[in-house]
Protein backbone atom coordinates (compact mmCIF):
# COMPACT_ATOMS: atom_id res chain seq x y z
CA MET A 1 -80.66 229.98 57.59
CA LEU A 2 -81.58 228.24 60.93
CA ILE A 3 -80.19 229.46 64.24
CA LEU A 4 -79.66 226.59 66.70
CA THR A 5 -82.47 227.37 69.13
CA PHE A 6 -84.66 224.32 69.36
CA LEU A 7 -88.33 224.99 69.97
CA VAL A 8 -90.55 222.03 70.81
CA LEU A 9 -93.50 221.94 68.44
CA VAL A 10 -97.00 221.19 69.71
CA ALA A 11 -97.56 217.47 69.36
CA CYS A 12 -100.41 216.18 67.23
CA GLU A 13 -103.10 214.21 69.03
CA SER A 14 -102.50 211.27 66.72
CA GLN A 15 -99.56 210.23 64.58
CA PRO A 16 -100.20 210.26 60.80
CA ASP A 17 -100.06 206.93 59.02
CA LEU A 18 -97.59 207.68 56.22
CA ASP A 19 -96.59 205.34 53.45
CA ILE A 20 -92.89 204.84 52.83
CA PRO A 21 -92.79 203.79 49.17
CA GLY A 22 -89.54 202.43 47.84
CA THR A 23 -87.96 201.76 51.23
CA SER A 24 -88.05 199.08 53.88
CA VAL A 25 -90.38 199.81 56.78
CA GLU A 26 -88.08 197.97 59.19
CA TRP A 27 -85.37 199.68 61.23
CA ASP A 28 -83.65 199.41 64.58
CA GLN A 29 -86.04 200.36 67.38
CA ARG A 30 -83.65 203.05 68.61
CA PHE A 31 -84.76 205.13 65.61
CA ASP A 32 -88.48 204.89 66.48
CA ALA A 33 -88.56 208.29 68.18
CA LEU A 34 -86.86 209.92 65.20
CA VAL A 35 -89.34 208.34 62.80
CA GLU A 36 -92.29 209.57 64.87
CA ALA A 37 -90.82 213.07 64.93
CA LEU A 38 -90.23 213.05 61.18
CA GLU A 39 -93.82 211.95 60.56
CA GLU A 40 -95.08 214.72 62.84
CA ASP A 41 -92.92 217.42 61.24
CA LEU A 42 -93.89 216.25 57.76
CA ALA A 43 -97.59 216.33 58.66
CA ASN A 44 -97.17 219.89 59.97
CA SER A 45 -95.50 221.02 56.77
CA GLN A 46 -96.68 221.45 53.19
CA ALA A 47 -93.89 219.29 51.81
CA PRO A 48 -94.97 216.08 50.09
CA GLY A 49 -91.91 214.18 51.23
CA VAL A 50 -88.84 214.10 53.42
CA SER A 51 -85.61 212.10 53.32
CA VAL A 52 -83.17 211.55 56.20
CA ALA A 53 -79.82 209.94 56.88
CA VAL A 54 -77.94 209.43 60.15
CA LEU A 55 -74.18 208.95 60.40
CA GLU A 56 -72.61 207.38 63.49
CA ASP A 57 -68.87 206.80 63.80
CA GLY A 58 -68.33 206.90 60.05
CA GLU A 59 -71.23 204.57 59.21
CA ILE A 60 -74.65 205.49 57.84
CA THR A 61 -76.93 203.69 60.29
CA PHE A 62 -80.28 205.01 59.11
CA ALA A 63 -81.47 206.26 55.70
CA ARG A 64 -85.15 206.45 54.83
CA ALA A 65 -87.61 208.54 52.84
CA PHE A 66 -91.17 209.30 53.94
CA GLY A 67 -94.19 210.58 52.05
CA SER A 68 -94.45 211.06 48.30
CA GLY A 69 -92.15 212.27 45.55
CA HIS A 70 -94.88 214.55 44.16
CA PRO A 71 -97.28 217.01 45.86
CA ASP A 72 -100.32 215.97 43.79
CA ARG A 73 -100.09 212.20 43.72
CA ASP A 74 -98.51 209.16 45.32
CA GLU A 75 -95.14 208.75 43.70
CA PRO A 76 -92.22 206.63 44.83
CA ILE A 77 -89.57 208.37 46.89
CA THR A 78 -86.47 206.65 48.22
CA ALA A 79 -83.46 207.53 50.30
CA ASP A 80 -81.60 207.95 46.98
CA SER A 81 -84.02 210.50 45.52
CA LEU A 82 -82.45 213.90 44.83
CA PHE A 83 -83.45 217.11 46.62
CA GLN A 84 -82.04 220.61 46.31
CA ILE A 85 -80.00 221.43 49.43
CA GLY A 86 -80.17 225.24 49.41
CA SER A 87 -77.55 227.13 51.41
CA THR A 88 -75.99 223.94 52.73
CA THR A 89 -74.26 224.21 49.33
CA LYS A 90 -72.01 226.89 50.87
CA MET A 91 -70.04 224.24 52.78
CA LEU A 92 -69.19 222.54 49.50
CA THR A 93 -68.30 225.83 47.82
CA ALA A 94 -65.97 226.78 50.67
CA SER A 95 -64.10 223.47 50.54
CA ALA A 96 -63.41 223.87 46.82
CA LEU A 97 -61.98 227.37 47.31
CA LEU A 98 -59.82 226.16 50.21
CA ARG A 99 -58.30 223.60 47.85
CA LYS A 100 -57.01 226.55 45.80
CA VAL A 101 -55.52 228.01 48.98
CA GLN A 102 -53.89 224.67 49.73
CA ALA A 103 -52.41 224.58 46.22
CA GLY A 104 -50.85 228.00 46.78
CA ASP A 105 -52.92 229.72 44.10
CA LEU A 106 -54.08 232.32 46.63
CA SER A 107 -54.21 233.05 50.36
CA LEU A 108 -57.03 233.77 52.75
CA ASP A 109 -55.62 237.27 53.26
CA ASP A 110 -55.71 238.11 49.55
CA SER A 111 -58.11 240.83 48.50
CA LEU A 112 -60.62 240.67 45.68
CA ALA A 113 -58.33 243.06 43.82
CA ASP A 114 -55.55 240.45 44.13
CA VAL A 115 -57.52 237.41 42.99
CA LEU A 116 -60.04 239.03 40.63
CA PRO A 117 -58.14 242.05 39.27
CA GLU A 118 -60.75 242.76 36.59
CA LEU A 119 -63.63 242.99 39.10
CA GLU A 120 -64.29 246.61 40.02
CA PHE A 121 -67.34 247.97 41.83
CA GLU A 122 -68.87 250.81 39.84
CA LEU A 123 -70.02 252.60 43.02
CA ASP A 124 -66.59 252.52 44.70
CA PRO A 125 -63.53 250.94 43.03
CA THR A 126 -61.70 250.73 46.39
CA TRP A 127 -64.11 248.10 47.73
CA SER A 128 -62.28 245.30 45.92
CA GLU A 129 -59.14 246.20 47.83
CA GLN A 130 -60.95 245.99 51.18
CA ILE A 131 -62.63 242.58 50.80
CA GLN A 132 -60.47 239.57 51.68
CA VAL A 133 -61.08 235.93 50.79
CA HIS A 134 -61.40 235.32 54.54
CA HIS A 135 -64.23 237.86 54.67
CA LEU A 136 -66.17 236.09 51.93
CA LEU A 137 -66.00 232.64 53.53
CA SER A 138 -66.97 233.95 56.98
CA HIS A 139 -69.75 236.36 55.84
CA GLN A 140 -67.85 239.49 56.84
CA ALA A 141 -67.49 241.03 53.36
CA ALA A 142 -70.62 243.22 53.81
CA VAL A 143 -71.91 242.74 50.25
CA VAL A 144 -75.64 243.43 50.03
CA ASP A 145 -77.62 240.19 49.92
CA SER A 146 -79.30 240.05 46.52
CA ALA A 147 -79.39 237.49 43.74
CA PRO A 148 -80.99 237.00 40.31
CA TRP A 149 -83.97 234.78 41.05
CA GLU A 150 -84.58 233.43 37.59
CA SER A 151 -83.19 230.66 35.40
CA ASN A 152 -80.07 231.25 33.36
CA PRO A 153 -78.16 227.96 33.57
CA ASP A 154 -75.26 228.96 31.32
CA ASP A 155 -72.01 228.18 33.15
CA GLU A 156 -70.54 231.43 31.84
CA GLN A 157 -73.05 233.35 33.96
CA LEU A 158 -70.79 233.00 37.00
CA ALA A 159 -68.29 235.33 35.37
CA ASP A 160 -70.64 237.31 33.12
CA TYR A 161 -72.99 238.35 35.92
CA SER A 162 -70.08 239.13 38.29
CA TYR A 163 -68.42 241.44 35.76
CA GLY A 164 -71.78 242.82 34.63
CA ASP A 165 -74.78 243.49 36.86
CA PHE A 166 -72.94 242.62 40.07
CA SER A 167 -70.06 245.04 39.59
CA ASP A 168 -72.42 247.70 38.21
CA TYR A 169 -75.11 247.71 40.91
CA TYR A 170 -74.09 245.82 44.06
CA TYR A 171 -72.64 247.65 47.04
CA LEU A 172 -71.10 247.21 50.47
CA MET A 173 -73.37 247.91 53.42
CA ASN A 174 -70.43 248.71 55.73
CA PRO A 175 -66.62 248.38 55.72
CA PRO A 176 -65.63 244.68 55.43
CA GLY A 177 -64.37 242.79 58.46
CA LEU A 178 -66.39 244.61 61.12
CA PHE A 179 -69.08 242.04 61.87
CA TRP A 180 -70.93 238.99 60.55
CA ASN A 181 -73.82 239.49 58.12
CA TYR A 182 -75.19 236.68 55.98
CA SER A 183 -75.12 237.29 52.21
CA ASN A 184 -75.43 234.87 49.30
CA PRO A 185 -73.16 236.84 46.92
CA HIS A 186 -70.17 236.13 49.18
CA PHE A 187 -70.19 232.53 47.97
CA CYS A 188 -70.91 233.42 44.35
CA LEU A 189 -67.67 235.41 44.45
CA ALA A 190 -65.92 232.54 46.25
CA ALA A 191 -66.88 230.25 43.37
CA LEU A 192 -65.69 232.77 40.77
CA ILE A 193 -62.31 232.88 42.53
CA THR A 194 -62.26 229.07 42.51
CA GLN A 195 -62.66 228.84 38.74
CA GLU A 196 -60.33 231.80 38.01
CA ASN A 197 -57.25 230.61 36.09
CA ASP A 198 -58.79 227.14 35.86
CA ASP A 199 -59.87 225.64 32.56
CA ARG A 200 -62.99 224.14 34.17
CA TYR A 201 -66.33 225.65 35.07
CA TRP A 202 -67.30 225.69 38.74
CA PRO A 203 -69.80 222.76 38.51
CA ASP A 204 -67.10 220.56 36.98
CA ILE A 205 -64.61 221.61 39.65
CA MET A 206 -67.13 220.56 42.29
CA THR A 207 -67.69 217.17 40.66
CA GLN A 208 -64.01 216.38 40.10
CA ASP A 209 -62.44 217.93 43.21
CA ILE A 210 -65.10 217.44 45.89
CA PHE A 211 -67.85 214.99 44.95
CA GLN A 212 -65.77 212.25 43.32
CA PRO A 213 -62.99 212.07 45.97
CA LEU A 214 -65.63 211.82 48.71
CA GLY A 215 -67.70 209.22 46.86
CA MET A 216 -70.60 211.66 46.48
CA ASP A 217 -71.74 210.24 43.15
CA ARG A 218 -75.35 211.35 43.74
CA SER A 219 -74.54 215.08 44.01
CA TYR A 220 -74.88 217.54 41.14
CA ALA A 221 -74.30 221.28 40.71
CA ARG A 222 -76.42 221.66 37.55
CA ARG A 223 -80.18 221.12 37.39
CA THR A 224 -79.80 219.35 34.03
CA GLU A 225 -77.58 216.75 35.66
CA ALA A 226 -80.16 216.05 38.35
CA GLU A 227 -82.87 215.86 35.70
CA GLN A 228 -80.84 213.41 33.61
CA ASP A 229 -80.27 211.29 36.72
CA GLY A 230 -84.03 210.76 36.80
CA ASP A 231 -84.49 209.93 40.51
CA TYR A 232 -85.54 213.26 42.00
CA SER A 233 -88.42 214.68 44.01
CA SER A 234 -90.87 217.27 42.82
CA SER A 235 -91.67 219.94 45.39
CA PHE A 236 -94.13 222.45 46.80
CA GLY A 237 -93.31 226.14 47.02
CA TYR A 238 -92.94 229.13 44.71
CA VAL A 239 -92.60 228.66 40.96
CA ASP A 240 -90.93 232.04 40.49
CA ALA A 241 -89.62 234.97 42.49
CA PHE A 242 -92.82 236.99 42.12
CA ALA A 243 -95.35 234.29 43.01
CA THR A 244 -97.65 235.17 45.88
CA GLN A 245 -98.99 231.67 46.55
CA MET A 246 -97.27 228.33 46.87
CA SER A 247 -98.04 225.56 44.41
CA THR A 248 -96.59 222.39 42.90
CA VAL A 249 -93.12 222.94 41.48
CA GLU A 250 -92.07 220.54 38.74
CA MET A 251 -88.42 220.03 37.83
CA ASN A 252 -88.60 222.38 34.84
CA ASP A 253 -89.90 225.14 37.17
CA VAL A 254 -86.94 224.88 39.56
CA TYR A 255 -84.74 227.81 38.66
CA ASP A 256 -81.03 227.34 38.01
CA HIS A 257 -78.80 230.38 37.60
CA GLY A 258 -75.10 230.00 36.90
CA TRP A 259 -74.23 232.82 39.30
CA THR A 260 -76.49 231.81 42.21
CA ARG A 261 -75.62 228.08 42.14
CA PRO A 262 -72.60 228.21 44.51
CA ALA A 263 -74.74 229.85 47.20
CA GLY A 264 -77.50 227.26 47.25
CA MET A 265 -78.37 225.26 44.14
CA VAL A 266 -76.65 221.85 44.53
CA TRP A 267 -78.77 218.66 44.32
CA SER A 268 -77.97 215.76 46.63
CA THR A 269 -79.31 213.16 49.06
CA PRO A 270 -79.09 212.95 52.87
CA SER A 271 -76.65 210.06 52.64
CA GLN A 272 -74.39 212.15 50.44
CA MET A 273 -74.61 215.08 52.84
CA VAL A 274 -73.66 213.06 55.93
CA THR A 275 -70.75 211.74 53.86
CA PHE A 276 -69.60 215.33 53.52
CA ALA A 277 -70.21 215.79 57.26
CA ASP A 278 -67.92 212.81 57.91
CA PHE A 279 -65.24 214.61 55.88
CA LEU A 280 -65.67 217.76 57.99
CA MET A 281 -65.36 215.78 61.22
CA ASN A 282 -62.68 213.26 60.30
CA GLY A 283 -60.94 214.55 57.20
CA ASN A 284 -59.92 213.23 53.81
CA SER A 285 -56.52 214.28 52.47
CA ALA A 286 -57.71 213.71 48.90
CA VAL A 287 -59.86 216.82 49.36
CA LEU A 288 -58.12 219.01 51.95
CA ASP A 289 -55.31 218.74 54.43
CA ASP A 290 -56.42 218.79 58.05
CA SER A 291 -55.29 222.34 58.84
CA LEU A 292 -57.46 223.97 56.19
CA ARG A 293 -60.36 221.59 56.79
CA GLN A 294 -60.31 222.55 60.46
CA GLU A 295 -60.42 226.23 59.54
CA MET A 296 -63.97 225.60 58.30
CA THR A 297 -65.20 224.73 61.81
CA ILE A 298 -63.12 227.17 63.88
CA GLU A 299 -64.98 230.14 65.34
CA GLN A 300 -64.01 232.73 62.74
CA VAL A 301 -66.60 235.35 63.76
CA ASN A 302 -69.33 235.83 66.37
CA THR A 303 -72.81 236.00 64.81
CA LEU A 304 -74.02 238.04 67.84
CA TYR A 305 -76.99 235.70 68.22
CA TYR A 306 -77.97 233.55 71.21
CA ASN A 307 -75.73 235.21 73.84
CA ASP A 308 -72.55 234.74 71.81
CA GLU A 309 -73.07 230.97 71.78
CA ILE A 310 -73.20 230.76 67.98
CA HIS A 311 -70.24 231.62 65.78
CA TYR A 312 -69.50 231.09 62.10
CA GLY A 313 -66.54 229.28 60.59
CA TYR A 314 -66.10 229.01 56.86
CA ALA A 315 -69.66 228.22 55.70
CA VAL A 316 -70.46 226.38 58.95
CA PHE A 317 -72.33 227.59 62.01
CA VAL A 318 -70.30 226.64 65.08
CA ALA A 319 -72.36 226.42 68.28
CA ARG A 320 -71.04 225.72 71.75
CA GLY A 321 -74.14 223.74 72.63
CA PHE A 322 -77.81 223.36 71.87
CA THR A 323 -81.09 223.94 73.67
CA TRP A 324 -83.84 221.35 73.83
CA GLY A 325 -86.93 222.17 75.85
CA GLU A 326 -85.79 223.58 79.17
CA HIS A 327 -82.30 222.10 78.97
CA TYR A 328 -79.02 223.20 77.45
CA TYR A 329 -76.42 220.63 76.43
CA GLN A 330 -72.87 221.99 76.42
CA ILE A 331 -71.49 220.01 73.53
CA PRO A 332 -70.07 221.55 70.32
CA THR A 333 -72.51 221.38 67.42
CA TRP A 334 -71.90 222.33 63.78
CA PHE A 335 -74.75 223.01 61.38
CA HIS A 336 -76.09 224.78 58.34
CA GLY A 337 -79.60 224.93 56.93
CA GLY A 338 -80.81 225.81 53.49
CA ASN A 339 -83.89 226.99 51.62
CA THR A 340 -84.66 227.37 47.94
CA MET A 341 -88.04 228.38 46.60
CA SER A 342 -89.38 224.87 47.11
CA PHE A 343 -86.82 222.74 49.00
CA SER A 344 -85.43 222.86 52.55
CA SER A 345 -82.37 221.34 54.17
CA GLU A 346 -80.92 220.68 57.63
CA LEU A 347 -77.43 219.33 58.34
CA TYR A 348 -76.25 218.97 61.95
CA MET A 349 -73.05 217.48 63.31
CA VAL A 350 -71.86 216.61 66.82
CA PRO A 351 -68.14 216.10 66.16
CA GLU A 352 -67.20 214.78 69.61
CA GLN A 353 -69.40 211.74 68.96
CA GLY A 354 -68.94 211.41 65.20
CA PHE A 355 -72.64 212.02 64.67
CA ALA A 356 -74.40 213.73 61.78
CA ILE A 357 -77.97 213.98 60.54
CA SER A 358 -79.20 215.36 57.23
CA ILE A 359 -82.87 216.07 56.57
CA LEU A 360 -84.00 217.15 53.09
CA SER A 361 -87.62 218.03 52.41
CA SER A 362 -89.52 218.96 49.27
CA GLY A 363 -91.25 222.10 50.56
CA TYR A 364 -90.48 225.77 51.02
CA GLY A 365 -89.41 226.86 54.51
CA THR A 366 -90.19 223.58 56.26
CA ASP A 367 -89.29 223.15 59.92
CA PHE A 368 -87.78 219.83 60.97
CA VAL A 369 -86.08 221.15 64.11
CA TYR A 370 -88.21 218.85 66.27
CA SER A 371 -86.83 215.88 64.33
CA VAL A 372 -83.25 217.11 64.71
CA GLY A 373 -83.67 217.66 68.44
CA THR A 374 -85.27 214.25 68.85
CA ALA A 375 -82.34 212.62 67.06
CA LEU A 376 -79.75 214.42 69.18
CA THR A 377 -81.46 213.61 72.47
CA THR A 378 -82.35 209.98 71.75
CA LEU A 379 -79.36 208.75 69.74
CA LEU A 380 -76.44 210.45 71.53
CA ASP A 381 -74.78 210.04 74.91
CA LEU A 382 -75.16 213.68 75.95
CA PRO A 383 -73.66 215.43 78.98
CA SER A 384 -75.93 216.33 81.87
CA PRO A 385 -78.13 219.24 80.85
CA VAL A 386 -77.85 222.66 82.39
CA THR A 387 -80.09 225.72 82.41
CA PRO A 388 -80.09 227.33 78.94
CA PRO A 389 -78.31 230.67 78.54
CA GLU A 390 -80.80 233.51 78.34
CA TYR A 391 -80.67 236.71 76.37
CA GLN A 392 -79.72 239.54 78.72
CA LEU A 393 -82.01 242.57 78.66
CA ASP A 394 -80.71 245.66 80.45
CA THR A 395 -82.94 248.64 79.68
CA SER A 396 -80.52 250.99 81.47
CA GLN A 397 -78.16 250.53 78.52
CA PHE A 398 -80.71 251.52 75.87
CA TYR A 399 -79.30 255.07 75.86
CA ARG A 400 -76.36 253.76 73.82
CA HIS A 401 -78.67 253.16 70.85
CA LEU A 402 -80.43 256.55 70.80
CA GLY A 403 -79.83 258.87 67.87
CA THR A 404 -80.05 259.15 64.11
CA TYR A 405 -78.60 256.55 61.73
CA TYR A 406 -78.47 256.53 57.97
CA ASP A 407 -78.31 253.96 55.18
CA GLN A 408 -77.51 255.76 51.94
CA TYR A 409 -78.30 252.80 49.69
CA SER A 410 -81.64 251.55 50.94
CA VAL A 411 -83.75 252.56 53.94
CA GLY A 412 -82.38 256.07 54.40
CA GLU A 413 -82.81 257.76 57.77
CA VAL A 414 -83.43 255.71 60.94
CA ILE A 415 -84.21 257.53 64.19
CA ILE A 416 -84.10 255.71 67.53
CA SER A 417 -85.77 257.26 70.60
CA GLN A 418 -86.79 256.06 74.06
CA GLU A 419 -89.89 256.32 76.21
CA GLY A 420 -89.59 254.65 79.60
CA ASP A 421 -88.21 251.16 79.11
CA ASP A 422 -89.12 250.98 75.42
CA LEU A 423 -87.19 251.93 72.28
CA PHE A 424 -88.99 253.41 69.30
CA ILE A 425 -87.98 253.58 65.65
CA ASP A 426 -88.85 256.10 62.95
CA MET A 427 -87.93 255.36 59.32
CA PRO A 428 -89.27 258.42 57.47
CA ASP A 429 -87.69 257.66 54.08
CA LEU A 430 -89.12 254.15 54.10
CA GLU A 431 -92.56 255.45 55.05
CA THR A 432 -92.36 258.03 52.23
CA TYR A 433 -92.37 255.10 49.81
CA GLY A 434 -95.55 253.72 51.36
CA TYR A 435 -94.14 251.16 53.80
CA SER A 436 -95.67 250.80 57.24
CA VAL A 437 -93.22 250.71 60.16
CA GLU A 438 -94.41 249.79 63.66
CA PRO A 439 -92.89 252.46 65.93
CA ARG A 440 -92.18 250.31 69.00
CA LEU A 441 -89.20 247.99 68.81
CA MET A 442 -89.65 244.54 70.34
CA ALA A 443 -86.70 243.78 72.62
CA VAL A 444 -85.01 240.37 72.62
CA SER A 445 -81.88 241.50 74.46
CA THR A 446 -80.04 244.72 75.25
CA ASP A 447 -78.75 244.97 71.67
CA LEU A 448 -81.10 242.73 69.68
CA PHE A 449 -84.61 243.78 68.63
CA TYR A 450 -87.38 243.17 66.14
CA VAL A 451 -88.75 245.89 63.87
CA ILE A 452 -92.00 245.20 61.99
CA ILE A 453 -92.14 246.55 58.42
CA ASP A 454 -95.35 245.89 56.49
CA GLY A 455 -96.18 243.12 58.94
CA VAL A 456 -92.83 241.31 58.48
CA TYR A 457 -90.49 240.84 61.45
CA TYR A 458 -86.89 241.92 60.81
CA ASP A 459 -84.23 241.40 63.47
CA ILE A 460 -81.88 244.34 64.03
CA THR A 461 -78.71 244.39 66.12
CA PHE A 462 -77.06 247.51 67.52
CA ILE A 463 -73.27 247.23 67.16
CA ARG A 464 -70.55 249.49 68.57
CA ASP A 465 -67.16 250.22 67.08
CA GLU A 466 -64.39 249.07 69.42
CA GLY A 467 -63.79 251.57 72.20
CA GLN A 468 -67.01 253.49 71.56
CA GLU A 469 -69.77 253.99 74.12
CA LEU A 470 -72.58 254.60 71.66
CA SER A 471 -73.79 252.14 69.05
CA THR A 472 -72.30 252.80 65.62
CA TYR A 473 -74.37 250.50 63.37
CA ILE A 474 -77.83 249.02 63.09
CA ARG A 475 -77.41 245.63 61.42
CA ASN A 476 -79.98 243.69 59.48
CA ARG A 477 -79.29 241.05 56.85
CA TYR A 478 -80.64 243.34 54.12
CA TYR A 479 -79.47 246.74 55.29
CA VAL A 480 -76.97 248.40 57.64
CA ALA A 481 -77.45 251.94 58.95
CA LEU A 482 -74.52 254.03 60.24
CA ARG A 483 -74.89 256.54 63.06
CA ASP A 484 -75.17 260.00 61.56
CA GLU A 485 -72.01 262.12 61.74
CA ALA A 486 -73.95 264.75 63.68
CA ASP A 487 -74.25 262.24 66.55
CA THR A 488 -70.59 261.19 66.50
CA GLY A 489 -68.70 264.34 65.58
CA ASN A 490 -67.43 262.49 62.53
CA ASP A 491 -66.23 264.94 59.91
CA SER A 492 -66.76 262.44 57.12
CA GLU A 493 -68.22 263.41 53.79
CA LYS A 494 -71.89 264.41 53.83
CA ARG A 495 -74.20 261.44 53.44
CA ALA A 496 -75.51 260.65 50.01
CA THR A 497 -79.12 261.27 49.10
CA PRO A 498 -81.10 258.05 48.62
CA PRO A 499 -82.08 257.40 45.02
CA PRO A 500 -85.69 258.09 43.99
CA GLY A 501 -88.13 255.20 43.94
CA PRO A 502 -88.62 252.24 46.30
CA PRO A 503 -85.82 251.43 48.78
CA ALA A 504 -83.01 249.54 47.11
CA PHE A 505 -82.95 246.71 49.63
CA LEU A 506 -86.46 245.69 48.61
CA GLU A 507 -86.23 246.61 44.94
CA ARG A 508 -82.84 245.06 44.18
CA ALA A 509 -83.38 241.96 46.25
CA ASN A 510 -85.82 240.92 43.53
CA ILE A 511 -87.51 238.45 45.84
CA PRO A 512 -91.00 238.45 47.37
CA PRO A 513 -91.74 239.17 51.04
CA HIS A 514 -91.82 235.51 52.04
CA PHE A 515 -88.04 235.37 51.55
CA LEU A 516 -87.44 238.35 53.81
CA GLN A 517 -87.83 236.53 57.10
CA SER A 518 -85.76 236.91 60.24
CA PRO A 519 -83.47 234.14 61.52
CA SER A 520 -85.06 231.91 64.14
CA LEU A 521 -84.95 233.70 67.47
CA PRO A 522 -86.77 233.41 70.80
CA GLU A 523 -90.12 235.12 71.15
CA PRO A 524 -89.54 238.83 71.79
CA ARG A 525 -90.30 240.13 75.28
């Protein structure tokens, strides 16, 4: 996931001379700055290639590929070569489920118990009654973010895993509907709802109900379909979930799991993705009526990042503006990024000007924000810039966070204390298992901090229940800790004892440390 805070990268002293096999080297001069930025970002990454498309007023005005289609050799790559788009897939998954809402098969207010009556959480059967379809699409369902990071391409895995390992072991980190917290399983469940009472598997629903009506004939939900297509890029990243070093990833090493697909496994091209962006901005009644399409880009929930400037719709980040250098442009911007183990994706839209850009690269965790910012500031007629909003840091309010919190499923006890103008954290259960926790929290704002666990930065946000003076929750993508009842006077049932062994949020995530990275945020103060 990429938060819309543009950071200018240090420019190289000289621009790399990159071949562009399979494409014309000629383009309108207005795209020169974008091309230079793409070359610079590609040179600063470990990806062998990158592909880009620009949409302006319903027309694709620029589509090119740069670099090679293979990390180890020069291999043709074109603007039509397939890349995996990662979590940008969620936009597509959401639109398919909204078609079911449009057809009257379900409503956004329906609970999981209503739409998937056979799905029951082993740890608490009442959870299915609390989660609404709306919560899933807006990342408010509070399901722990974990996924099977291995290949099992059987289409039946979407249902089998949901009614098996998912219902047996997954849990809610907090009551649904309280706040935004990103989690891949939300969209796996959304896809299961989509194919419920349908005689088609989810990949076929996507092809027939989304891709074909939009003319996205180069988009595929199954890896085998992309492989059979033949025009795809190899990549550079991690060959499996337990790899410690990046290497070349051939097509047969790219994992494809029937349950994880709807959260981030679709294959496509930048031209196809800006075609979908055109649908989001301008509509297509063959896919969705305008009212439901617009629900995708309405501010459904505040992410609590970037001074409340970034919200989330249904699988779309909705920003009120964007920062570039020292300037802030107050113009609505929609976006979603994506990462798999060896591919990265960026899709940005400026709906007021009918503009979209998609950048797909064949490397793990690549950063093409400089290219996106260059495109926005050189190709658009932007309003006059203003001073960027800054995170507010009021140390006099730190007292609200002090106390003991508890996460019964993963990190256990969390103790927050204060010395002077600094907050400190103690995670004794985590340290019992051998993890190193830096005691001083690094403040970004009054409520937003970094904690460093085994050298990895995790962002945490202190969140209050409505009407409360003291913070109630500590939120991280992978765990949520609740203020201990002793600090609140809550007479709720005594907290559960954490299970023996490593913390569940690290053990069950089943992914290596390089996936446990914080969203992009400013440098901590």
